[in-house]
Amino acid sequence: MPYTVPAGTRIGHIHLKVTDLEQSLQFYRDLLGFEVQQMFGESAAFISAGGYHHHIGLNTWHSKNAAPAPLKAAGLYHTAILYPTRKDLAIVLKRLIDAKYPLTGASDHGVSEAIYLDDPDKNGVELYWDKPKEQWPFDKEGNLQMVTELLDIDGLLQLAV
């Protein structure tokens, strides 16, 4: 009989190899707002939202001062960070714009609204908010029909006041 992972299962954390721990902390802590939960000397940090033990681990154990991972190779495509409300996504978007941090994209996927960017090591990062399930696009047979459309950035930013 096939096994199905339980519905309550979640991705607990990610752990990224980075080239410069302080530079990564400036991005994840100072710009995105994650809180440092624990440091391991100058080689690793565990950061989170809301006091969880860690949502993101950052380390230089095998990557200090190394080149970014190649774009055209197997590996992590992006880390997706889910914000609890649309307003929270708007606030972080405004922080990025105010800091003149480069974005790589912004999309409305029907089920979510997403902002795309790269961290200092060129790891892809998606910042997003899930729309309520009753707003998700389903076809007549009940199949989910995700899309990639332009995000209304101006409309989103109106919430960042």
N, C-alpha and C. Protein backbone atom coordinates (compact mmCIF):
# COMPACT_ATOMS: atom_id res chain seq x y z
N MET A 1 0.85 -1.17 0.00
CA MET A 1 0.00 0.00 0.00
C MET A 1 0.90 1.24 0.00
N PRO A 2 0.61 2.24 -0.85
CA PRO A 2 1.45 3.45 -0.88
C PRO A 2 1.32 4.25 0.41
N TYR A 3 2.41 4.84 0.78
CA TYR A 3 2.46 5.68 1.98
C TYR A 3 2.26 7.13 1.58
N THR A 4 1.49 7.87 2.35
CA THR A 4 1.30 9.30 2.18
C THR A 4 1.76 9.99 3.45
N VAL A 5 2.62 10.99 3.30
CA VAL A 5 3.11 11.73 4.44
C VAL A 5 1.92 12.36 5.18
N PRO A 6 1.90 12.39 6.51
CA PRO A 6 0.78 12.96 7.25
C PRO A 6 0.55 14.44 6.91
N ALA A 7 -0.69 14.85 6.89
CA ALA A 7 -1.07 16.22 6.49
C ALA A 7 -0.43 17.29 7.37
N GLY A 8 -0.15 17.01 8.61
CA GLY A 8 0.43 18.00 9.52
C GLY A 8 1.94 18.15 9.38
N THR A 9 2.55 17.39 8.49
CA THR A 9 4.00 17.47 8.31
C THR A 9 4.38 18.82 7.71
N ARG A 10 5.49 19.40 8.21
CA ARG A 10 5.97 20.70 7.72
C ARG A 10 7.47 20.60 7.49
N ILE A 11 8.00 21.51 6.71
CA ILE A 11 9.44 21.65 6.60
C ILE A 11 9.87 22.45 7.83
N GLY A 12 10.71 21.87 8.67
CA GLY A 12 11.07 22.50 9.93
C GLY A 12 12.09 23.61 9.82
N HIS A 13 13.12 23.40 9.00
CA HIS A 13 14.14 24.44 8.84
C HIS A 13 14.99 24.13 7.61
N ILE A 14 15.74 25.11 7.21
CA ILE A 14 16.75 24.92 6.16
C ILE A 14 18.10 25.26 6.77
N HIS A 15 19.13 24.71 6.20
CA HIS A 15 20.49 25.01 6.67
C HIS A 15 21.32 25.31 5.42
N LEU A 16 21.82 26.52 5.35
CA LEU A 16 22.52 26.99 4.16
C LEU A 16 24.02 27.10 4.38
N LYS A 17 24.78 26.67 3.39
CA LYS A 17 26.22 26.93 3.38
C LYS A 17 26.39 28.34 2.82
N VAL A 18 27.10 29.18 3.56
CA VAL A 18 27.32 30.57 3.14
C VAL A 18 28.82 30.86 3.13
N THR A 19 29.21 31.90 2.41
CA THR A 19 30.63 32.22 2.31
C THR A 19 31.10 33.19 3.38
N ASP A 20 30.19 34.02 3.89
CA ASP A 20 30.54 35.05 4.87
C ASP A 20 29.38 35.15 5.86
N LEU A 21 29.58 34.66 7.06
CA LEU A 21 28.49 34.60 8.04
C LEU A 21 27.92 35.98 8.35
N GLU A 22 28.77 36.96 8.58
CA GLU A 22 28.28 38.30 8.93
C GLU A 22 27.47 38.91 7.79
N GLN A 23 27.92 38.72 6.56
CA GLN A 23 27.19 39.23 5.41
C GLN A 23 25.80 38.56 5.32
N SER A 24 25.74 37.27 5.58
CA SER A 24 24.45 36.56 5.57
C SER A 24 23.55 37.04 6.71
N LEU A 25 24.14 37.28 7.88
CA LEU A 25 23.34 37.81 8.99
C LEU A 25 22.82 39.21 8.68
N GLN A 26 23.59 40.02 7.99
CA GLN A 26 23.10 41.34 7.61
C GLN A 26 21.86 41.22 6.73
N PHE A 27 21.81 40.21 5.89
CA PHE A 27 20.64 39.99 5.03
C PHE A 27 19.48 39.39 5.83
N TYR A 28 19.68 38.22 6.42
CA TYR A 28 18.58 37.50 7.07
C TYR A 28 18.14 38.14 8.39
N ARG A 29 19.07 38.66 9.16
CA ARG A 29 18.75 39.28 10.45
C ARG A 29 18.38 40.74 10.28
N ASP A 30 19.28 41.52 9.70
CA ASP A 30 19.10 42.98 9.68
C ASP A 30 18.09 43.44 8.64
N LEU A 31 18.02 42.79 7.50
CA LEU A 31 17.09 43.22 6.45
C LEU A 31 15.75 42.49 6.55
N LEU A 32 15.78 41.15 6.62
CA LEU A 32 14.52 40.40 6.68
C LEU A 32 13.94 40.33 8.08
N GLY A 33 14.76 40.52 9.12
CA GLY A 33 14.23 40.61 10.48
C GLY A 33 14.25 39.34 11.30
N PHE A 34 14.92 38.28 10.85
CA PHE A 34 15.03 37.07 11.67
C PHE A 34 15.88 37.36 12.91
N GLU A 35 15.60 36.62 13.98
CA GLU A 35 16.30 36.81 15.25
C GLU A 35 17.33 35.70 15.44
N VAL A 36 18.52 36.07 15.91
CA VAL A 36 19.56 35.08 16.20
C VAL A 36 19.17 34.34 17.48
N GLN A 37 19.13 33.02 17.40
CA GLN A 37 18.84 32.19 18.56
C GLN A 37 20.12 31.65 19.18
N GLN A 38 21.11 31.34 18.33
CA GLN A 38 22.37 30.80 18.85
C GLN A 38 23.46 31.00 17.80
N MET A 39 24.65 31.33 18.30
CA MET A 39 25.84 31.43 17.45
C MET A 39 26.79 30.31 17.84
N PHE A 40 27.48 29.76 16.86
CA PHE A 40 28.55 28.81 17.09
C PHE A 40 29.83 29.49 16.64
N GLY A 41 30.41 30.27 17.55
CA GLY A 41 31.61 31.02 17.23
C GLY A 41 31.37 31.93 16.05
N GLU A 42 32.31 31.95 15.13
CA GLU A 42 32.19 32.78 13.93
C GLU A 42 31.88 31.95 12.70
N SER A 43 31.43 30.68 12.93
CA SER A 43 31.22 29.81 11.79
C SER A 43 29.77 29.41 11.54
N ALA A 44 28.87 29.64 12.48
CA ALA A 44 27.48 29.24 12.26
C ALA A 44 26.54 30.08 13.13
N ALA A 45 25.32 30.22 12.62
CA ALA A 45 24.27 30.92 13.36
C ALA A 45 22.95 30.21 13.10
N PHE A 46 22.09 30.20 14.11
CA PHE A 46 20.75 29.67 13.98
C PHE A 46 19.78 30.81 14.24
N ILE A 47 18.91 31.07 13.27
CA ILE A 47 18.02 32.22 13.33
C ILE A 47 16.57 31.77 13.15
N SER A 48 15.65 32.60 13.66
CA SER A 48 14.24 32.20 13.59
C SER A 48 13.32 33.40 13.65
N ALA A 49 12.06 33.09 13.47
CA ALA A 49 10.96 34.04 13.69
C ALA A 49 10.23 33.58 14.95
N GLY A 50 9.97 34.51 15.84
CA GLY A 50 9.14 34.21 17.00
C GLY A 50 9.75 33.33 18.07
N GLY A 51 11.07 33.20 18.11
CA GLY A 51 11.71 32.46 19.19
C GLY A 51 11.81 30.96 18.98
N TYR A 52 11.42 30.45 17.82
CA TYR A 52 11.59 29.03 17.51
C TYR A 52 13.09 28.72 17.54
N HIS A 53 13.48 27.47 17.81
CA HIS A 53 14.92 27.19 17.95
C HIS A 53 15.69 27.57 16.70
N HIS A 54 15.18 27.28 15.51
CA HIS A 54 15.74 27.85 14.29
C HIS A 54 14.89 27.47 13.08
N HIS A 55 14.69 28.45 12.25
CA HIS A 55 14.08 28.23 10.94
C HIS A 55 15.16 28.15 9.87
N ILE A 56 16.26 28.88 10.10
CA ILE A 56 17.36 28.92 9.15
C ILE A 56 18.67 28.74 9.91
N GLY A 57 19.46 27.80 9.43
CA GLY A 57 20.83 27.65 9.90
C GLY A 57 21.75 28.20 8.82
N LEU A 58 22.77 28.92 9.24
CA LEU A 58 23.77 29.48 8.33
C LEU A 58 25.14 29.00 8.80
N ASN A 59 25.95 28.45 7.89
CA ASN A 59 27.28 28.04 8.32
C ASN A 59 28.30 28.23 7.22
N THR A 60 29.56 28.36 7.66
CA THR A 60 30.70 28.49 6.73
C THR A 60 31.62 27.27 6.84
N TRP A 61 31.14 26.17 7.38
CA TRP A 61 31.97 25.00 7.65
C TRP A 61 32.68 24.48 6.40
N HIS A 62 32.00 24.48 5.27
CA HIS A 62 32.59 23.97 4.03
C HIS A 62 32.61 25.03 2.94
N SER A 63 32.29 26.27 3.27
CA SER A 63 32.05 27.25 2.21
C SER A 63 32.66 28.63 2.45
N LYS A 64 33.41 28.80 3.53
CA LYS A 64 33.96 30.13 3.83
C LYS A 64 34.78 30.65 2.65
N ASN A 65 34.42 31.86 2.21
CA ASN A 65 35.09 32.56 1.11
C ASN A 65 35.04 31.81 -0.21
N ALA A 66 34.16 30.84 -0.36
CA ALA A 66 34.02 30.08 -1.60
C ALA A 66 33.16 30.85 -2.60
N ALA A 67 33.15 30.38 -3.83
CA ALA A 67 32.28 30.96 -4.86
C ALA A 67 30.85 30.47 -4.63
N PRO A 68 29.85 31.21 -5.11
CA PRO A 68 28.47 30.72 -5.01
C PRO A 68 28.31 29.41 -5.78
N ALA A 69 27.31 28.64 -5.41
CA ALA A 69 27.00 27.41 -6.13
C ALA A 69 26.66 27.75 -7.58
N PRO A 70 27.04 26.88 -8.52
CA PRO A 70 26.74 27.17 -9.92
C PRO A 70 25.23 27.23 -10.18
N LEU A 71 24.83 28.15 -11.04
CA LEU A 71 23.42 28.31 -11.37
C LEU A 71 22.88 27.08 -12.10
N LYS A 72 23.64 26.55 -13.02
CA LYS A 72 23.19 25.42 -13.84
C LYS A 72 23.75 24.12 -13.28
N ALA A 73 23.30 23.77 -12.08
CA ALA A 73 23.69 22.52 -11.43
C ALA A 73 22.58 22.11 -10.48
N ALA A 74 22.59 20.86 -10.08
CA ALA A 74 21.61 20.40 -9.11
C ALA A 74 21.84 21.12 -7.78
N GLY A 75 20.78 21.33 -7.03
CA GLY A 75 20.88 21.99 -5.74
C GLY A 75 19.62 22.76 -5.42
N LEU A 76 19.69 23.59 -4.44
CA LEU A 76 18.56 24.37 -3.97
C LEU A 76 18.15 25.41 -5.02
N TYR A 77 16.88 25.43 -5.40
CA TYR A 77 16.38 26.45 -6.32
C TYR A 77 16.08 27.72 -5.54
N HIS A 78 15.24 27.59 -4.51
CA HIS A 78 15.04 28.72 -3.61
C HIS A 78 14.46 28.24 -2.28
N THR A 79 14.62 29.07 -1.29
CA THR A 79 13.99 28.90 0.01
C THR A 79 12.76 29.78 0.02
N ALA A 80 11.62 29.24 0.41
CA ALA A 80 10.39 30.02 0.46
C ALA A 80 10.05 30.33 1.92
N ILE A 81 9.90 31.60 2.21
CA ILE A 81 9.57 32.06 3.56
C ILE A 81 8.14 32.56 3.54
N LEU A 82 7.27 31.89 4.29
CA LEU A 82 5.83 32.16 4.31
C LEU A 82 5.51 33.18 5.40
N TYR A 83 4.94 34.30 5.00
CA TYR A 83 4.53 35.34 5.95
C TYR A 83 3.07 35.10 6.34
N PRO A 84 2.69 35.42 7.59
CA PRO A 84 1.34 35.10 8.05
C PRO A 84 0.24 35.95 7.41
N THR A 85 0.56 37.19 7.02
CA THR A 85 -0.48 38.04 6.44
C THR A 85 0.06 38.78 5.21
N ARG A 86 -0.85 39.26 4.41
CA ARG A 86 -0.48 40.06 3.23
C ARG A 86 0.23 41.34 3.67
N LYS A 87 -0.23 41.93 4.78
CA LYS A 87 0.41 43.13 5.28
C LYS A 87 1.87 42.87 5.66
N ASP A 88 2.15 41.71 6.27
CA ASP A 88 3.53 41.37 6.62
C ASP A 88 4.40 41.29 5.37
N LEU A 89 3.86 40.71 4.30
CA LEU A 89 4.61 40.66 3.04
C LEU A 89 4.84 42.07 2.51
N ALA A 90 3.85 42.92 2.61
CA ALA A 90 3.98 44.31 2.15
C ALA A 90 5.08 45.04 2.93
N ILE A 91 5.13 44.82 4.22
CA ILE A 91 6.13 45.50 5.06
C ILE A 91 7.54 45.07 4.67
N VAL A 92 7.77 43.77 4.47
CA VAL A 92 9.11 43.33 4.10
C VAL A 92 9.46 43.80 2.69
N LEU A 93 8.48 43.85 1.79
CA LEU A 93 8.74 44.39 0.45
C LEU A 93 9.17 45.85 0.54
N LYS A 94 8.49 46.63 1.36
CA LYS A 94 8.87 48.04 1.51
C LYS A 94 10.28 48.16 2.09
N ARG A 95 10.64 47.31 3.04
CA ARG A 95 12.00 47.32 3.60
C ARG A 95 13.03 47.05 2.51
N LEU A 96 12.74 46.09 1.65
CA LEU A 96 13.66 45.77 0.56
C LEU A 96 13.80 46.94 -0.41
N ILE A 97 12.68 47.54 -0.76
CA ILE A 97 12.70 48.69 -1.69
C ILE A 97 13.46 49.86 -1.06
N ASP A 98 13.17 50.14 0.21
CA ASP A 98 13.84 51.25 0.90
C ASP A 98 15.35 51.01 0.99
N ALA A 99 15.76 49.75 1.12
CA ALA A 99 17.19 49.40 1.19
C ALA A 99 17.81 49.28 -0.20
N LYS A 100 16.98 49.47 -1.24
CA LYS A 100 17.44 49.32 -2.63
C LYS A 100 18.03 47.94 -2.89
N TYR A 101 17.44 46.93 -2.22
CA TYR A 101 17.90 45.56 -2.41
C TYR A 101 17.29 45.02 -3.71
N PRO A 102 18.09 44.44 -4.59
CA PRO A 102 17.57 44.00 -5.89
C PRO A 102 16.61 42.81 -5.79
N LEU A 103 15.49 42.93 -6.47
CA LEU A 103 14.52 41.84 -6.58
C LEU A 103 14.75 41.14 -7.91
N THR A 104 14.45 39.85 -7.96
CA THR A 104 14.57 39.10 -9.21
C THR A 104 13.21 38.81 -9.82
N GLY A 105 12.13 39.08 -9.07
CA GLY A 105 10.79 38.85 -9.61
C GLY A 105 9.72 39.11 -8.57
N ALA A 106 8.48 39.13 -9.06
CA ALA A 106 7.31 39.30 -8.20
C ALA A 106 6.13 38.72 -8.96
N SER A 107 5.42 37.78 -8.33
CA SER A 107 4.35 37.08 -9.03
C SER A 107 3.13 36.87 -8.16
N ASP A 108 1.99 36.83 -8.84
CA ASP A 108 0.73 36.36 -8.24
C ASP A 108 0.53 34.96 -8.80
N HIS A 109 0.53 33.95 -7.92
CA HIS A 109 0.40 32.56 -8.35
C HIS A 109 -1.02 32.03 -8.19
N GLY A 110 -1.99 32.92 -7.96
CA GLY A 110 -3.36 32.47 -7.75
C GLY A 110 -3.58 31.99 -6.33
N VAL A 111 -2.66 31.19 -5.81
CA VAL A 111 -2.74 30.68 -4.44
C VAL A 111 -1.94 31.55 -3.47
N SER A 112 -1.04 32.37 -4.03
CA SER A 112 -0.14 33.16 -3.19
C SER A 112 0.36 34.37 -3.97
N GLU A 113 0.94 35.30 -3.23
CA GLU A 113 1.65 36.44 -3.81
C GLU A 113 3.10 36.32 -3.35
N ALA A 114 4.04 36.50 -4.29
CA ALA A 114 5.44 36.20 -3.98
C ALA A 114 6.39 37.26 -4.51
N ILE A 115 7.43 37.49 -3.72
CA ILE A 115 8.55 38.37 -4.08
C ILE A 115 9.78 37.46 -4.16
N TYR A 116 10.59 37.64 -5.20
CA TYR A 116 11.79 36.81 -5.38
C TYR A 116 13.04 37.67 -5.35
N LEU A 117 14.10 37.13 -4.74
CA LEU A 117 15.37 37.81 -4.65
C LEU A 117 16.45 36.76 -4.35
N ASP A 118 17.69 37.19 -4.37
CA ASP A 118 18.81 36.31 -4.02
C ASP A 118 19.46 36.83 -2.75
N ASP A 119 19.90 35.90 -1.89
CA ASP A 119 20.66 36.31 -0.72
C ASP A 119 22.10 36.64 -1.17
N PRO A 120 22.97 37.08 -0.28
CA PRO A 120 24.32 37.47 -0.69
C PRO A 120 25.14 36.36 -1.36
N ASP A 121 24.76 35.09 -1.14
CA ASP A 121 25.47 33.97 -1.76
C ASP A 121 24.75 33.46 -3.01
N LYS A 122 23.82 34.24 -3.52
CA LYS A 122 23.06 33.89 -4.72
C LYS A 122 22.11 32.72 -4.51
N ASN A 123 21.78 32.42 -3.23
CA ASN A 123 20.73 31.45 -2.95
C ASN A 123 19.40 32.13 -3.21
N GLY A 124 18.54 31.50 -3.99
CA GLY A 124 17.23 32.07 -4.26
C GLY A 124 16.38 32.11 -3.02
N VAL A 125 15.63 33.20 -2.85
CA VAL A 125 14.73 33.39 -1.71
C VAL A 125 13.38 33.85 -2.25
N GLU A 126 12.33 33.19 -1.81
CA GLU A 126 10.96 33.61 -2.11
C GLU A 126 10.32 34.05 -0.80
N LEU A 127 9.77 35.25 -0.79
CA LEU A 127 9.00 35.76 0.34
C LEU A 127 7.56 35.77 -0.13
N TYR A 128 6.67 35.10 0.59
CA TYR A 128 5.30 35.00 0.07
C TYR A 128 4.25 34.96 1.17
N TRP A 129 3.01 35.13 0.72
CA TRP A 129 1.82 35.07 1.55
C TRP A 129 0.82 34.18 0.82
N ASP A 130 0.24 33.22 1.52
CA ASP A 130 -0.80 32.38 0.93
C ASP A 130 -2.16 33.07 1.02
N LYS A 131 -2.86 33.08 -0.10
CA LYS A 131 -4.23 33.58 -0.10
C LYS A 131 -5.12 32.56 0.63
N PRO A 132 -6.26 33.01 1.14
CA PRO A 132 -7.18 32.04 1.75
C PRO A 132 -7.59 30.98 0.71
N LYS A 133 -7.72 29.75 1.15
CA LYS A 133 -7.97 28.64 0.23
C LYS A 133 -9.22 28.86 -0.61
N GLU A 134 -10.21 29.54 -0.07
CA GLU A 134 -11.44 29.78 -0.85
C GLU A 134 -11.20 30.72 -2.04
N GLN A 135 -10.06 31.38 -2.09
CA GLN A 135 -9.70 32.23 -3.22
C GLN A 135 -8.82 31.52 -4.25
N TRP A 136 -8.38 30.30 -3.96
CA TRP A 136 -7.50 29.58 -4.87
C TRP A 136 -8.24 29.24 -6.17
N PRO A 137 -7.54 29.25 -7.28
CA PRO A 137 -8.18 28.95 -8.56
C PRO A 137 -8.28 27.43 -8.80
N PHE A 138 -9.50 26.94 -8.87
CA PHE A 138 -9.77 25.54 -9.19
C PHE A 138 -10.57 25.48 -10.49
N ASP A 139 -10.32 24.44 -11.29
CA ASP A 139 -11.13 24.27 -12.49
C ASP A 139 -12.45 23.59 -12.14
N LYS A 140 -13.29 23.32 -13.15
CA LYS A 140 -14.62 22.73 -12.91
C LYS A 140 -14.55 21.34 -12.28
N GLU A 141 -13.43 20.63 -12.49
CA GLU A 141 -13.26 19.30 -11.92
C GLU A 141 -12.65 19.35 -10.52
N GLY A 142 -12.34 20.55 -10.01
CA GLY A 142 -11.77 20.69 -8.68
C GLY A 142 -10.27 20.59 -8.62
N ASN A 143 -9.59 20.66 -9.79
CA ASN A 143 -8.14 20.61 -9.84
C ASN A 143 -7.55 22.00 -9.64
N LEU A 144 -6.54 22.10 -8.81
CA LEU A 144 -5.89 23.37 -8.56
C LEU A 144 -5.22 23.86 -9.84
N GLN A 145 -5.35 25.14 -10.15
CA GLN A 145 -4.81 25.73 -11.38
C GLN A 145 -3.93 26.93 -11.01
N MET A 146 -2.74 26.65 -10.49
CA MET A 146 -1.81 27.72 -10.15
C MET A 146 -1.38 28.45 -11.42
N VAL A 147 -1.06 29.73 -11.28
CA VAL A 147 -0.65 30.57 -12.40
C VAL A 147 0.58 31.37 -12.00
N THR A 148 1.18 32.01 -12.97
CA THR A 148 2.23 32.99 -12.71
C THR A 148 1.86 34.24 -13.47
N GLU A 149 1.34 35.22 -12.74
CA GLU A 149 0.91 36.49 -13.31
C GLU A 149 1.64 37.62 -12.60
N LEU A 150 1.58 38.81 -13.18
CA LEU A 150 2.23 39.97 -12.57
C LEU A 150 1.61 40.26 -11.20
N LEU A 151 2.44 40.55 -10.25
CA LEU A 151 1.98 40.94 -8.92
C LEU A 151 1.66 42.42 -8.92
N ASP A 152 0.55 42.78 -8.30
CA ASP A 152 0.18 44.19 -8.13
C ASP A 152 1.01 44.75 -6.97
N ILE A 153 2.22 45.17 -7.29
CA ILE A 153 3.14 45.67 -6.26
C ILE A 153 2.61 46.94 -5.62
N ASP A 154 2.06 47.86 -6.41
CA ASP A 154 1.54 49.10 -5.85
C ASP A 154 0.40 48.81 -4.87
N GLY A 155 -0.48 47.89 -5.24
CA GLY A 155 -1.57 47.52 -4.33
C GLY A 155 -1.06 46.88 -3.05
N LEU A 156 -0.05 46.05 -3.19
CA LEU A 156 0.53 45.41 -2.02
C LEU A 156 1.18 46.45 -1.10
N LEU A 157 1.94 47.38 -1.70
CA LEU A 157 2.65 48.39 -0.90
C LEU A 157 1.70 49.32 -0.14
N GLN A 158 0.46 49.45 -0.60
CA GLN A 158 -0.50 50.29 0.13
C GLN A 158 -0.75 49.76 1.55
N LEU A 159 -0.50 48.48 1.75
CA LEU A 159 -0.69 47.89 3.08
C LEU A 159 0.48 48.14 4.02
N ALA A 160 1.59 48.63 3.49
CA ALA A 160 2.82 48.77 4.28
C ALA A 160 2.88 50.05 5.10
N VAL A 161 1.80 50.76 5.21
CA VAL A 161 1.81 52.01 5.96
C VAL A 161 1.67 51.78 7.44
